[in-house]
Amino acid sequence: MEDLTERQRLLLSLVIHEYIRTAAPVASKHMVEQYSLDFSSATVRNELAELTEKGYLRQPHLSAGRVPTEEGYRLFVRNLVQDIELPEAMRRTISHQFFQMRQDVEQWTRLAASVLAHQSRGASLVTIPHPDQALFKHMELIGARGRQVLMVLVLLGGEILQHLVALSEPVSQEKLSEIADHLTHYLKNQNANQINGLSLELDGLEKEIFDMVLNEMQEADSLVSGEVVLDGITNVLSQPEFSGSEEARRALRVLEEKPMLQHLLSQTALNNTAANGVQVIIGGEGAWESLSQCSVVLARYGTPGLATGTLGVLGPMRMPYGRTISIVRFVSGLLSDLVNDTMVE
């Protein structure tokens, strides 16, 4: 594996574990004492120097211990990190919470964000499941005032699109409900292309609303992901290396600014090489300068070909990768089951 001896792999893993725990450079003498190693601090010091020369560790100051580099973290995640089995009681509790609200997409995406933030002590993001192609489920038309109407489209998978539209003439609520039921009958389970190809006999008002529905469906297809739910941002700001720092604010802007977040999610959506369904982005991977001091653990969830979403955790590079990967994978599995159950009518 890479170019390391078994002892170097062990020491690199221990340095990373200790740095994650303490946020302080790790000295050779401390490692020998902390882990009761069978070799001397001089031997450890020489091995750490070799790991530093190979680019897996760095020494902030000549008199300081060592800290992992981005390459060190990447090797650790690829080859050394161990999956952590979540306690059975925790898994049962989380599963019960989700399945209590199994028909409420918005609630279980918010619950997922809350669980991820709490368990990882990082910032979490969860996108509402978004169909590869938006499939119409049903619609409602709610009169607002005058000619204004709230058009609510529910997609198969639970995503909701709302848009305030202005009709050419005022219409009663009874008539609006009648049109909504009529169009739902013909459009159910159809995508934008299928809706566009329908030959329906519609009166002027129905045709006007039909065209608005088609436009909304086409716009839904152009989105990379659904609405993004965030939680735990204060967790990142409380980390020692980010306390009051510009690095933390830059990283959090990725979550708060939609174009940057969509770019991140689009890369994840296109990435098919994630091991075990989880992708780990360390230090921005040269693509996101704002994440140069962070790591992001992401996973896709849902039913490919029907509806999928993304969930993940953002934190400092000094994150507990084993636990974070495990909780992201577990919650991803729960949401996939919920999406599948929701899609099966």
C-alpha atoms as a PDB file:
ATOM      1  CA  MET A   1       0.000   0.000   0.000  1.00  0.00           C
ATOM      2  CA  GLU A   2       1.486   3.305  -1.152  1.00  0.00           C
ATOM      3  CA  ASP A   3       5.186   3.171  -0.143  1.00  0.00           C
ATOM      4  CA  LEU A   4       4.913   2.633   3.599  1.00  0.00           C
ATOM      5  CA  THR A   5       6.094  -0.131   5.893  1.00  0.00           C
ATOM      6  CA  GLU A   6       3.666  -1.742   8.309  1.00  0.00           C
ATOM      7  CA  ARG A   7       5.138   0.257  11.177  1.00  0.00           C
ATOM      8  CA  GLN A   8       4.831   3.519   9.248  1.00  0.00           C
ATOM      9  CA  ARG A   9       1.191   2.758   8.471  1.00  0.00           C
ATOM     10  CA  LEU A  10       0.566   2.135  12.173  1.00  0.00           C
ATOM     11  CA  LEU A  11       2.309   5.331  13.244  1.00  0.00           C
ATOM     12  CA  LEU A  12       0.552   7.461  10.622  1.00  0.00           C
ATOM     13  CA  SER A  13      -2.790   6.087  11.781  1.00  0.00           C
ATOM     14  CA  LEU A  14      -1.938   6.803  15.422  1.00  0.00           C
ATOM     15  CA  VAL A  15      -0.776  10.358  14.668  1.00  0.00           C
ATOM     16  CA  ILE A  16      -4.027  11.068  12.846  1.00  0.00           C
ATOM     17  CA  HIS A  17      -6.172   9.553  15.611  1.00  0.00           C
ATOM     18  CA  GLU A  18      -4.295  11.555  18.257  1.00  0.00           C
ATOM     19  CA  TYR A  19      -4.428  14.804  16.273  1.00  0.00           C
ATOM     20  CA  ILE A  20      -8.168  14.353  15.697  1.00  0.00           C
ATOM     21  CA  ARG A  21      -8.579  13.888  19.446  1.00  0.00           C
ATOM     22  CA  THR A  22      -6.418  16.768  20.674  1.00  0.00           C
ATOM     23  CA  ALA A  23      -6.028  19.261  17.793  1.00  0.00           C
ATOM     24  CA  ALA A  24      -2.358  19.574  18.893  1.00  0.00           C
ATOM     25  CA  PRO A  25       0.869  18.460  17.148  1.00  0.00           C
ATOM     26  CA  VAL A  26       1.817  14.921  18.165  1.00  0.00           C
ATOM     27  CA  ALA A  27       5.306  14.256  19.581  1.00  0.00           C
ATOM     28  CA  SER A  28       7.144  10.928  19.382  1.00  0.00           C
ATOM     29  CA  LYS A  29       7.593  10.649  23.171  1.00  0.00           C
ATOM     30  CA  HIS A  30       3.883  11.269  23.721  1.00  0.00           C
ATOM     31  CA  MET A  31       2.984   8.526  21.231  1.00  0.00           C
ATOM     32  CA  VAL A  32       5.193   5.951  22.970  1.00  0.00           C
ATOM     33  CA  GLU A  33       3.633   6.779  26.336  1.00  0.00           C
ATOM     34  CA  GLN A  34       0.038   7.173  25.111  1.00  0.00           C
ATOM     35  CA  TYR A  35      -0.074   3.935  23.115  1.00  0.00           C
ATOM     36  CA  SER A  36       2.515   1.825  25.031  1.00  0.00           C
ATOM     37  CA  LEU A  37       4.483   1.200  21.847  1.00  0.00           C
ATOM     38  CA  ASP A  38       7.094  -1.568  21.744  1.00  0.00           C
ATOM     39  CA  PHE A  39       9.723   0.689  20.167  1.00  0.00           C
ATOM     40  CA  SER A  40      11.607   3.704  21.449  1.00  0.00           C
ATOM     41  CA  SER A  41      10.741   7.372  20.993  1.00  0.00           C
ATOM     42  CA  ALA A  42      13.929   7.685  18.884  1.00  0.00           C
ATOM     43  CA  THR A  43      12.615   5.017  16.508  1.00  0.00           C
ATOM     44  CA  VAL A  44       9.224   6.731  16.372  1.00  0.00           C
ATOM     45  CA  ARG A  45      10.930  10.079  15.741  1.00  0.00           C
ATOM     46  CA  ASN A  46      12.885   8.614  12.803  1.00  0.00           C
ATOM     47  CA  GLU A  47       9.756   7.047  11.320  1.00  0.00           C
ATOM     48  CA  LEU A  48       7.820  10.296  11.689  1.00  0.00           C
ATOM     49  CA  ALA A  49      10.652  12.106   9.925  1.00  0.00           C
ATOM     50  CA  GLU A  50      10.394   9.586   7.078  1.00  0.00           C
ATOM     51  CA  LEU A  51       6.612  10.083   6.899  1.00  0.00           C
ATOM     52  CA  THR A  52       7.211  13.836   6.813  1.00  0.00           C
ATOM     53  CA  GLU A  53       9.704  13.481   3.966  1.00  0.00           C
ATOM     54  CA  LYS A  54       7.150  11.415   2.040  1.00  0.00           C
ATOM     55  CA  GLY A  55       4.563  14.169   2.464  1.00  0.00           C
ATOM     56  CA  TYR A  56       2.122  12.469   4.834  1.00  0.00           C
ATOM     57  CA  LEU A  57       3.004  14.554   7.917  1.00  0.00           C
ATOM     58  CA  ARG A  58       4.316  18.046   8.502  1.00  0.00           C
ATOM     59  CA  GLN A  59       6.042  19.790  11.389  1.00  0.00           C
ATOM     60  CA  PRO A  60       4.574  23.254  12.104  1.00  0.00           C
ATOM     61  CA  HIS A  61       7.738  24.294  14.006  1.00  0.00           C
ATOM     62  CA  LEU A  62      11.142  22.685  14.497  1.00  0.00           C
ATOM     63  CA  SER A  63      10.416  22.033  18.166  1.00  0.00           C
ATOM     64  CA  ALA A  64       6.829  20.892  17.582  1.00  0.00           C
ATOM     65  CA  GLY A  65       5.370  17.473  16.980  1.00  0.00           C
ATOM     66  CA  ARG A  66       3.767  16.361  13.716  1.00  0.00           C
ATOM     67  CA  VAL A  67       0.376  16.931  12.160  1.00  0.00           C
ATOM     68  CA  PRO A  68      -1.198  15.189   9.160  1.00  0.00           C
ATOM     69  CA  THR A  69      -1.080  16.715   5.682  1.00  0.00           C
ATOM     70  CA  GLU A  70      -3.867  16.480   3.122  1.00  0.00           C
ATOM     71  CA  GLU A  71      -2.032  13.531   1.539  1.00  0.00           C
ATOM     72  CA  GLY A  72      -1.782  11.893   4.944  1.00  0.00           C
ATOM     73  CA  TYR A  73      -5.515  12.216   5.475  1.00  0.00           C
ATOM     74  CA  ARG A  74      -6.235  10.915   1.960  1.00  0.00           C
ATOM     75  CA  LEU A  75      -4.106   7.820   2.484  1.00  0.00           C
ATOM     76  CA  PHE A  76      -5.740   7.309   5.882  1.00  0.00           C
ATOM     77  CA  VAL A  77      -9.261   7.502   4.428  1.00  0.00           C
ATOM     78  CA  ARG A  78      -8.407   5.250   1.460  1.00  0.00           C
ATOM     79  CA  ASN A  79      -6.545   2.533   3.323  1.00  0.00           C
ATOM     80  CA  LEU A  80      -6.351   2.918   7.089  1.00  0.00           C
ATOM     81  CA  VAL A  81      -9.647   4.232   8.413  1.00  0.00           C
ATOM     82  CA  GLN A  82     -11.834   1.592  10.038  1.00  0.00           C
ATOM     83  CA  ASP A  83     -15.602   1.540   9.825  1.00  0.00           C
ATOM     84  CA  ILE A  84     -17.169   2.166  13.208  1.00  0.00           C
ATOM     85  CA  GLU A  85     -20.248   0.106  13.949  1.00  0.00           C
ATOM     86  CA  LEU A  86     -22.913   2.398  15.340  1.00  0.00           C
ATOM     87  CA  PRO A  87     -24.412   1.059  18.584  1.00  0.00           C
ATOM     88  CA  GLU A  88     -27.554  -0.992  18.046  1.00  0.00           C
ATOM     89  CA  ALA A  89     -29.557   1.181  20.439  1.00  0.00           C
ATOM     90  CA  MET A  90     -28.583   4.302  18.488  1.00  0.00           C
ATOM     91  CA  ARG A  91     -29.536   2.729  15.169  1.00  0.00           C
ATOM     92  CA  ARG A  92     -32.913   1.621  16.530  1.00  0.00           C
ATOM     93  CA  THR A  93     -33.650   5.073  17.965  1.00  0.00           C
ATOM     94  CA  ILE A  94     -32.733   6.899  14.749  1.00  0.00           C
ATOM     95  CA  SER A  95     -34.658   4.428  12.580  1.00  0.00           C
ATOM     96  CA  HIS A  96     -37.749   4.799  14.770  1.00  0.00           C
ATOM     97  CA  GLN A  97     -37.623   8.583  14.462  1.00  0.00           C
ATOM     98  CA  PHE A  98     -37.517   8.384  10.667  1.00  0.00           C
ATOM     99  CA  PHE A  99     -40.246   5.837  10.225  1.00  0.00           C
ATOM    100  CA  GLN A 100     -42.616   7.813  12.460  1.00  0.00           C
ATOM    101  CA  MET A 101     -42.688  10.486   9.735  1.00  0.00           C
ATOM    102  CA  ARG A 102     -42.199   8.275   6.699  1.00  0.00           C
ATOM    103  CA  GLN A 103     -44.728  10.115   4.510  1.00  0.00           C
ATOM    104  CA  ASP A 104     -43.402  13.617   5.252  1.00  0.00           C
ATOM    105  CA  VAL A 105     -40.417  14.280   2.993  1.00  0.00           C
ATOM    106  CA  GLU A 106     -39.615  17.710   4.399  1.00  0.00           C
ATOM    107  CA  GLN A 107     -39.661  16.478   7.994  1.00  0.00           C
ATOM    108  CA  TRP A 108     -37.375  13.524   7.404  1.00  0.00           C
ATOM    109  CA  THR A 109     -34.834  15.591   5.467  1.00  0.00           C
ATOM    110  CA  ARG A 110     -34.736  18.025   8.396  1.00  0.00           C
ATOM    111  CA  LEU A 111     -34.425  15.117  10.818  1.00  0.00           C
ATOM    112  CA  ALA A 112     -31.568  13.700   8.725  1.00  0.00           C
ATOM    113  CA  ALA A 113     -29.730  17.029   8.872  1.00  0.00           C
ATOM    114  CA  SER A 114     -30.242  17.194  12.643  1.00  0.00           C
ATOM    115  CA  VAL A 115     -29.029  13.622  13.214  1.00  0.00           C
ATOM    116  CA  LEU A 116     -25.946  14.088  11.030  1.00  0.00           C
ATOM    117  CA  ALA A 117     -24.995  17.372  12.717  1.00  0.00           C
ATOM    118  CA  HIS A 118     -25.469  15.951  16.215  1.00  0.00           C
ATOM    119  CA  GLN A 119     -23.658  12.660  15.644  1.00  0.00           C
ATOM    120  CA  SER A 120     -20.737  14.105  13.638  1.00  0.00           C
ATOM    121  CA  ARG A 121     -20.446  17.413  15.513  1.00  0.00           C
ATOM    122  CA  GLY A 122     -20.052  19.045  12.102  1.00  0.00           C
ATOM    123  CA  ALA A 123     -22.239  21.014   9.708  1.00  0.00           C
ATOM    124  CA  SER A 124     -24.702  18.857   7.811  1.00  0.00           C
ATOM    125  CA  LEU A 125     -26.518  19.209   4.515  1.00  0.00           C
ATOM    126  CA  VAL A 126     -29.353  17.161   3.087  1.00  0.00           C
ATOM    127  CA  THR A 127     -31.045  17.793  -0.242  1.00  0.00           C
ATOM    128  CA  ILE A 128     -34.694  16.919  -0.706  1.00  0.00           C
ATOM    129  CA  PRO A 129     -34.859  13.919  -3.107  1.00  0.00           C
ATOM    130  CA  HIS A 130     -34.930  15.071  -6.687  1.00  0.00           C
ATOM    131  CA  PRO A 131     -36.059  12.882  -9.614  1.00  0.00           C
ATOM    132  CA  ASP A 132     -33.617  12.213 -12.438  1.00  0.00           C
ATOM    133  CA  GLN A 133     -36.622  13.330 -14.459  1.00  0.00           C
ATOM    134  CA  ALA A 134     -39.361  15.157 -12.610  1.00  0.00           C
ATOM    135  CA  LEU A 135     -42.489  13.002 -12.538  1.00  0.00           C
ATOM    136  CA  PHE A 136     -45.828  14.701 -11.909  1.00  0.00           C
ATOM    137  CA  LYS A 137     -47.857  13.307  -8.979  1.00  0.00           C
ATOM    138  CA  HIS A 138     -50.627  15.830  -8.346  1.00  0.00           C
ATOM    139  CA  MET A 139     -51.309  19.541  -8.197  1.00  0.00           C
ATOM    140  CA  GLU A 140     -53.323  22.076  -6.278  1.00  0.00           C
ATOM    141  CA  LEU A 141     -54.460  25.546  -7.299  1.00  0.00           C
ATOM    142  CA  ILE A 142     -55.168  27.923  -4.441  1.00  0.00           C
ATOM    143  CA  GLY A 143     -56.731  31.292  -5.110  1.00  0.00           C
ATOM    144  CA  ALA A 144     -54.812  34.185  -3.571  1.00  0.00           C
ATOM    145  CA  ARG A 145     -56.272  37.519  -4.632  1.00  0.00           C
ATOM    146  CA  GLY A 146     -57.588  38.823  -7.896  1.00  0.00           C
ATOM    147  CA  ARG A 147     -55.979  36.905 -10.722  1.00  0.00           C
ATOM    148  CA  GLN A 148     -53.149  35.547  -8.548  1.00  0.00           C
ATOM    149  CA  VAL A 149     -53.100  31.817  -7.826  1.00  0.00           C
ATOM    150  CA  LEU A 150     -50.657  29.662  -5.856  1.00  0.00           C
ATOM    151  CA  MET A 151     -49.784  26.647  -8.029  1.00  0.00           C
ATOM    152  CA  VAL A 152     -48.497  23.725  -5.987  1.00  0.00           C
ATOM    153  CA  LEU A 153     -46.996  20.783  -7.872  1.00  0.00           C
ATOM    154  CA  VAL A 154     -46.102  17.605  -5.993  1.00  0.00           C
ATOM    155  CA  LEU A 155     -43.581  15.389  -7.749  1.00  0.00           C
ATOM    156  CA  LEU A 156     -43.319  11.639  -7.393  1.00  0.00           C
ATOM    157  CA  GLY A 157     -40.862  11.218  -4.548  1.00  0.00           C
ATOM    158  CA  GLY A 158     -42.298  14.024  -2.438  1.00  0.00           C
ATOM    159  CA  GLU A 159     -40.619  17.169  -3.806  1.00  0.00           C
ATOM    160  CA  ILE A 160     -42.958  20.166  -3.818  1.00  0.00           C
ATOM    161  CA  LEU A 161     -42.793  23.057  -6.301  1.00  0.00           C
ATOM    162  CA  GLN A 162     -44.697  26.228  -5.462  1.00  0.00           C
ATOM    163  CA  HIS A 163     -45.148  29.218  -7.719  1.00  0.00           C
ATOM    164  CA  LEU A 164     -47.427  32.242  -7.552  1.00  0.00           C
ATOM    165  CA  VAL A 165     -48.901  32.768 -11.012  1.00  0.00           C
ATOM    166  CA  ALA A 166     -51.178  35.389 -12.533  1.00  0.00           C
ATOM    167  CA  LEU A 167     -54.034  34.072 -14.672  1.00  0.00           C
ATOM    168  CA  SER A 168     -55.638  36.015 -17.485  1.00  0.00           C
ATOM    169  CA  GLU A 169     -58.868  36.346 -15.494  1.00  0.00           C
ATOM    170  CA  PRO A 170     -60.129  35.889 -11.897  1.00  0.00           C
ATOM    171  CA  VAL A 171     -61.319  32.338 -11.187  1.00  0.00           C
ATOM    172  CA  SER A 172     -63.331  30.911  -8.263  1.00  0.00           C
ATOM    173  CA  GLN A 173     -61.720  28.387  -5.920  1.00  0.00           C
ATOM    174  CA  GLU A 174     -64.279  25.784  -6.984  1.00  0.00           C
ATOM    175  CA  LYS A 175     -63.229  26.166 -10.622  1.00  0.00           C
ATOM    176  CA  LEU A 176     -59.517  26.108  -9.696  1.00  0.00           C
ATOM    177  CA  SER A 177     -59.960  22.841  -7.793  1.00  0.00           C
ATOM    178  CA  GLU A 178     -61.873  21.346 -10.712  1.00  0.00           C
ATOM    179  CA  ILE A 179     -59.071  22.255 -13.150  1.00  0.00           C
ATOM    180  CA  ALA A 180     -56.417  20.875 -10.784  1.00  0.00           C
ATOM    181  CA  ASP A 181     -58.246  17.541 -10.488  1.00  0.00           C
ATOM    182  CA  HIS A 182     -58.795  17.365 -14.243  1.00  0.00           C
ATOM    183  CA  LEU A 183     -55.136  18.004 -15.098  1.00  0.00           C
ATOM    184  CA  THR A 184     -53.915  15.655 -12.378  1.00  0.00           C
ATOM    185  CA  HIS A 185     -55.947  12.869 -13.944  1.00  0.00           C
ATOM    186  CA  TYR A 186     -54.099  13.249 -17.255  1.00  0.00           C
ATOM    187  CA  LEU A 187     -50.624  14.247 -16.053  1.00  0.00           C
ATOM    188  CA  LYS A 188     -50.060  11.803 -13.195  1.00  0.00           C
ATOM    189  CA  ASN A 189     -46.734   9.886 -13.451  1.00  0.00           C
ATOM    190  CA  GLN A 190     -45.741  11.844 -16.588  1.00  0.00           C
ATOM    191  CA  ASN A 191     -42.413  13.635 -17.140  1.00  0.00           C
ATOM    192  CA  ALA A 192     -41.988  16.942 -18.965  1.00  0.00           C
ATOM    193  CA  ASN A 193     -41.397  15.341 -22.370  1.00  0.00           C
ATOM    194  CA  GLN A 194     -44.468  13.122 -22.019  1.00  0.00           C
ATOM    195  CA  ILE A 195     -46.600  16.063 -20.890  1.00  0.00           C
ATOM    196  CA  ASN A 196     -45.378  18.121 -23.839  1.00  0.00           C
ATOM    197  CA  GLY A 197     -46.431  15.326 -26.209  1.00  0.00           C
ATOM    198  CA  LEU A 198     -49.963  14.967 -24.875  1.00  0.00           C
ATOM    199  CA  SER A 199     -52.897  15.864 -27.131  1.00  0.00           C
ATOM    200  CA  LEU A 200     -55.598  17.063 -24.780  1.00  0.00           C
ATOM    201  CA  GLU A 201     -58.796  18.949 -25.480  1.00  0.00           C
ATOM    202  CA  LEU A 202     -58.504  21.851 -23.050  1.00  0.00           C
ATOM    203  CA  ASP A 203     -60.410  25.111 -22.830  1.00  0.00           C
ATOM    204  CA  GLY A 204     -58.545  28.419 -22.759  1.00  0.00           C
ATOM    205  CA  LEU A 205     -58.046  28.584 -18.982  1.00  0.00           C
ATOM    206  CA  GLU A 206     -57.031  24.920 -18.681  1.00  0.00           C
ATOM    207  CA  LYS A 207     -54.556  25.352 -21.547  1.00  0.00           C
ATOM    208  CA  GLU A 208     -53.102  28.404 -19.818  1.00  0.00           C
ATOM    209  CA  ILE A 209     -52.528  26.437 -16.597  1.00  0.00           C
ATOM    210  CA  PHE A 210     -51.309  23.367 -18.527  1.00  0.00           C
ATOM    211  CA  ASP A 211     -48.585  25.504 -20.131  1.00  0.00           C
ATOM    212  CA  MET A 212     -47.544  26.809 -16.705  1.00  0.00           C
ATOM    213  CA  VAL A 213     -47.299  23.247 -15.368  1.00  0.00           C
ATOM    214  CA  LEU A 214     -45.167  22.196 -18.335  1.00  0.00           C
ATOM    215  CA  ASN A 215     -42.821  25.134 -17.763  1.00  0.00           C
ATOM    216  CA  GLU A 216     -42.427  24.227 -14.062  1.00  0.00           C
ATOM    217  CA  MET A 217     -41.698  20.586 -14.932  1.00  0.00           C
ATOM    218  CA  GLN A 218     -39.065  21.592 -17.471  1.00  0.00           C
ATOM    219  CA  GLU A 219     -37.402  23.896 -14.947  1.00  0.00           C
ATOM    220  CA  ALA A 220     -37.419  21.093 -12.350  1.00  0.00           C
ATOM    221  CA  ASP A 221     -35.482  18.879 -14.790  1.00  0.00           C
ATOM    222  CA  SER A 222     -32.774  21.519 -15.092  1.00  0.00           C
ATOM    223  CA  LEU A 223     -31.978  21.467 -11.362  1.00  0.00           C
ATOM    224  CA  VAL A 224     -29.066  19.387 -10.077  1.00  0.00           C
ATOM    225  CA  SER A 225     -30.714  18.842  -6.705  1.00  0.00           C
ATOM    226  CA  GLY A 226     -33.734  19.723  -4.652  1.00  0.00           C
ATOM    227  CA  GLU A 227     -33.917  22.212  -1.790  1.00  0.00           C
ATOM    228  CA  VAL A 228     -30.984  21.997   0.627  1.00  0.00           C
ATOM    229  CA  VAL A 229     -31.544  21.653   4.383  1.00  0.00           C
ATOM    230  CA  LEU A 230     -28.625  22.750   6.623  1.00  0.00           C
ATOM    231  CA  ASP A 231     -27.870  22.168  10.301  1.00  0.00           C
ATOM    232  CA  GLY A 232     -24.968  22.322  12.763  1.00  0.00           C
ATOM    233  CA  ILE A 233     -23.125  25.344  11.362  1.00  0.00           C
ATOM    234  CA  THR A 234     -22.233  26.444  14.912  1.00  0.00           C
ATOM    235  CA  ASN A 235     -20.498  23.081  15.396  1.00  0.00           C
ATOM    236  CA  VAL A 236     -17.865  24.075  12.836  1.00  0.00           C
ATOM    237  CA  LEU A 237     -17.404  27.546  14.268  1.00  0.00           C
ATOM    238  CA  SER A 238     -16.696  26.018  17.701  1.00  0.00           C
ATOM    239  CA  GLN A 239     -13.781  23.869  16.495  1.00  0.00           C
ATOM    240  CA  PRO A 240     -10.403  25.078  17.865  1.00  0.00           C
ATOM    241  CA  GLU A 241      -8.794  25.664  14.468  1.00  0.00           C
ATOM    242  CA  PHE A 242     -11.844  27.571  13.220  1.00  0.00           C
ATOM    243  CA  SER A 243     -12.749  29.642  16.253  1.00  0.00           C
ATOM    244  CA  GLY A 244     -13.106  33.194  14.962  1.00  0.00           C
ATOM    245  CA  SER A 245     -11.181  32.356  11.795  1.00  0.00           C
ATOM    246  CA  GLU A 246     -11.740  33.450   8.210  1.00  0.00           C
ATOM    247  CA  GLU A 247     -11.231  29.821   7.083  1.00  0.00           C
ATOM    248  CA  ALA A 248     -14.438  28.742   8.807  1.00  0.00           C
ATOM    249  CA  ARG A 249     -16.450  31.598   7.337  1.00  0.00           C
ATOM    250  CA  ARG A 250     -15.139  30.814   3.843  1.00  0.00           C
ATOM    251  CA  ALA A 251     -16.068  27.163   4.232  1.00  0.00           C
ATOM    252  CA  LEU A 252     -19.547  27.928   5.501  1.00  0.00           C
ATOM    253  CA  ARG A 253     -20.168  30.236   2.545  1.00  0.00           C
ATOM    254  CA  VAL A 254     -20.039  27.100   0.369  1.00  0.00           C
ATOM    255  CA  LEU A 255     -23.096  25.856   2.248  1.00  0.00           C
ATOM    256  CA  GLU A 256     -24.895  29.190   2.301  1.00  0.00           C
ATOM    257  CA  GLU A 257     -24.305  30.378  -1.280  1.00  0.00           C
ATOM    258  CA  LYS A 258     -26.464  28.360  -3.641  1.00  0.00           C
ATOM    259  CA  PRO A 259     -24.263  28.481  -6.789  1.00  0.00           C
ATOM    260  CA  MET A 260     -21.199  27.203  -4.897  1.00  0.00           C
ATOM    261  CA  LEU A 261     -23.215  24.491  -3.176  1.00  0.00           C
ATOM    262  CA  GLN A 262     -24.856  23.404  -6.432  1.00  0.00           C
ATOM    263  CA  HIS A 263     -21.374  23.107  -7.966  1.00  0.00           C
ATOM    264  CA  LEU A 264     -20.249  20.887  -5.108  1.00  0.00           C
ATOM    265  CA  LEU A 265     -23.359  18.728  -5.334  1.00  0.00           C
ATOM    266  CA  SER A 266     -23.142  18.457  -9.122  1.00  0.00           C
ATOM    267  CA  GLN A 267     -19.636  17.025  -8.855  1.00  0.00           C
ATOM    268  CA  THR A 268     -20.856  14.507  -6.289  1.00  0.00           C
ATOM    269  CA  ALA A 269     -23.815  13.559  -8.444  1.00  0.00           C
ATOM    270  CA  LEU A 270     -21.486  12.857 -11.368  1.00  0.00           C
ATOM    271  CA  ASN A 271     -18.907  10.976  -9.287  1.00  0.00           C
ATOM    272  CA  ASN A 272     -19.334   7.222  -9.621  1.00  0.00           C
ATOM    273  CA  THR A 273     -16.094   6.193  -7.900  1.00  0.00           C
ATOM    274  CA  ALA A 274     -17.087   6.745  -4.268  1.00  0.00           C
ATOM    275  CA  ALA A 275     -16.186   3.694  -2.183  1.00  0.00           C
ATOM    276  CA  ASN A 276     -19.171   2.038  -0.513  1.00  0.00           C
ATOM    277  CA  GLY A 277     -21.384   4.874  -1.665  1.00  0.00           C
ATOM    278  CA  VAL A 278     -19.503   7.519   0.343  1.00  0.00           C
ATOM    279  CA  GLN A 279     -17.283  10.215  -1.159  1.00  0.00           C
ATOM    280  CA  VAL A 280     -14.728  12.071   0.970  1.00  0.00           C
ATOM    281  CA  ILE A 281     -13.466  15.448  -0.267  1.00  0.00           C
ATOM    282  CA  ILE A 282     -10.325  16.521   1.621  1.00  0.00           C
ATOM    283  CA  GLY A 283      -8.994  20.063   1.438  1.00  0.00           C
ATOM    284  CA  GLY A 284     -11.225  20.965  -1.487  1.00  0.00           C
ATOM    285  CA  GLU A 285      -9.294  18.587  -3.803  1.00  0.00           C
ATOM    286  CA  GLY A 286      -8.031  21.611  -5.730  1.00  0.00           C
ATOM    287  CA  ALA A 287     -11.552  22.474  -6.918  1.00  0.00           C
ATOM    288  CA  TRP A 288     -12.932  24.440  -3.969  1.00  0.00           C
ATOM    289  CA  GLU A 289     -10.461  26.910  -2.477  1.00  0.00           C
ATOM    290  CA  SER A 290     -12.965  27.774   0.258  1.00  0.00           C
ATOM    291  CA  LEU A 291     -12.713  24.185   1.519  1.00  0.00           C
ATOM    292  CA  SER A 292      -8.902  24.135   1.699  1.00  0.00           C
ATOM    293  CA  GLN A 293      -8.985  23.591   5.479  1.00  0.00           C
ATOM    294  CA  CYS A 294     -12.006  21.282   5.509  1.00  0.00           C
ATOM    295  CA  SER A 295     -13.215  17.828   4.692  1.00  0.00           C
ATOM    296  CA  VAL A 296     -16.639  16.893   3.389  1.00  0.00           C
ATOM    297  CA  VAL A 297     -18.162  13.407   3.612  1.00  0.00           C
ATOM    298  CA  LEU A 298     -20.993  12.988   1.086  1.00  0.00           C
ATOM    299  CA  ALA A 299     -23.302  10.214  -0.054  1.00  0.00           C
ATOM    300  CA  ARG A 300     -26.075   9.875  -2.573  1.00  0.00           C
ATOM    301  CA  TYR A 301     -29.343   8.337  -1.437  1.00  0.00           C
ATOM    302  CA  GLY A 302     -32.595   7.330  -3.036  1.00  0.00           C
ATOM    303  CA  THR A 303     -33.602   5.156  -5.958  1.00  0.00           C
ATOM    304  CA  PRO A 304     -31.577   5.740  -9.172  1.00  0.00           C
ATOM    305  CA  GLY A 305     -33.855   6.367 -12.108  1.00  0.00           C
ATOM    306  CA  LEU A 306     -36.610   7.614  -9.817  1.00  0.00           C
ATOM    307  CA  ALA A 307     -35.390  10.127  -7.241  1.00  0.00           C
ATOM    308  CA  THR A 308     -32.082  10.742  -5.496  1.00  0.00           C
ATOM    309  CA  GLY A 309     -30.610  13.247  -3.080  1.00  0.00           C
ATOM    310  CA  THR A 310     -27.310  14.050  -1.417  1.00  0.00           C
ATOM    311  CA  LEU A 311     -26.463  14.194   2.257  1.00  0.00           C
ATOM    312  CA  GLY A 312     -23.222  14.897   4.019  1.00  0.00           C
ATOM    313  CA  VAL A 313     -21.137  16.470   6.734  1.00  0.00           C
ATOM    314  CA  LEU A 314     -18.646  19.347   6.524  1.00  0.00           C
ATOM    315  CA  GLY A 315     -16.003  19.847   9.190  1.00  0.00           C
ATOM    316  CA  PRO A 316     -12.301  20.504   9.689  1.00  0.00           C
ATOM    317  CA  MET A 317      -9.857  18.069   8.106  1.00  0.00           C
ATOM    318  CA  ARG A 318      -9.343  16.931  11.679  1.00  0.00           C
ATOM    319  CA  MET A 319     -12.670  15.097  11.675  1.00  0.00           C
ATOM    320  CA  PRO A 320     -13.355  11.593  13.065  1.00  0.00           C
ATOM    321  CA  TYR A 321     -13.574   9.956   9.645  1.00  0.00           C
ATOM    322  CA  GLY A 322     -14.570   6.463  10.760  1.00  0.00           C
ATOM    323  CA  ARG A 323     -17.560   7.645  12.767  1.00  0.00           C
ATOM    324  CA  THR A 324     -18.563  10.319  10.247  1.00  0.00           C
ATOM    325  CA  ILE A 325     -18.462   7.917   7.294  1.00  0.00           C
ATOM    326  CA  SER A 326     -20.505   5.375   9.271  1.00  0.00           C
ATOM    327  CA  ILE A 327     -23.263   7.812  10.260  1.00  0.00           C
ATOM    328  CA  VAL A 328     -23.443   9.265   6.732  1.00  0.00           C
ATOM    329  CA  ARG A 329     -23.728   5.761   5.266  1.00  0.00           C
ATOM    330  CA  PHE A 330     -26.357   4.704   7.835  1.00  0.00           C
ATOM    331  CA  VAL A 331     -28.594   7.747   7.334  1.00  0.00           C
ATOM    332  CA  SER A 332     -28.175   7.430   3.561  1.00  0.00           C
ATOM    333  CA  GLY A 333     -29.511   3.874   3.789  1.00  0.00           C
ATOM    334  CA  LEU A 334     -32.511   4.972   5.848  1.00  0.00           C
ATOM    335  CA  LEU A 335     -33.390   7.755   3.411  1.00  0.00           C
ATOM    336  CA  SER A 336     -33.004   5.380   0.463  1.00  0.00           C
ATOM    337  CA  ASP A 337     -35.552   3.032   2.069  1.00  0.00           C
ATOM    338  CA  LEU A 338     -37.940   5.932   2.660  1.00  0.00           C
ATOM    339  CA  VAL A 339     -37.620   7.224  -0.915  1.00  0.00           C
ATOM    340  CA  ASN A 340     -38.212   3.719  -2.264  1.00  0.00           C
ATOM    341  CA  ASP A 341     -41.294   3.261  -0.078  1.00  0.00           C
ATOM    342  CA  THR A 342     -42.624   6.676  -1.130  1.00  0.00           C
ATOM    343  CA  MET A 343     -42.103   5.966  -4.818  1.00  0.00           C
ATOM    344  CA  VAL A 344     -44.013   2.700  -4.729  1.00  0.00           C
ATOM    345  CA  GLU A 345     -47.632   3.677  -5.067  1.00  0.00           C
END
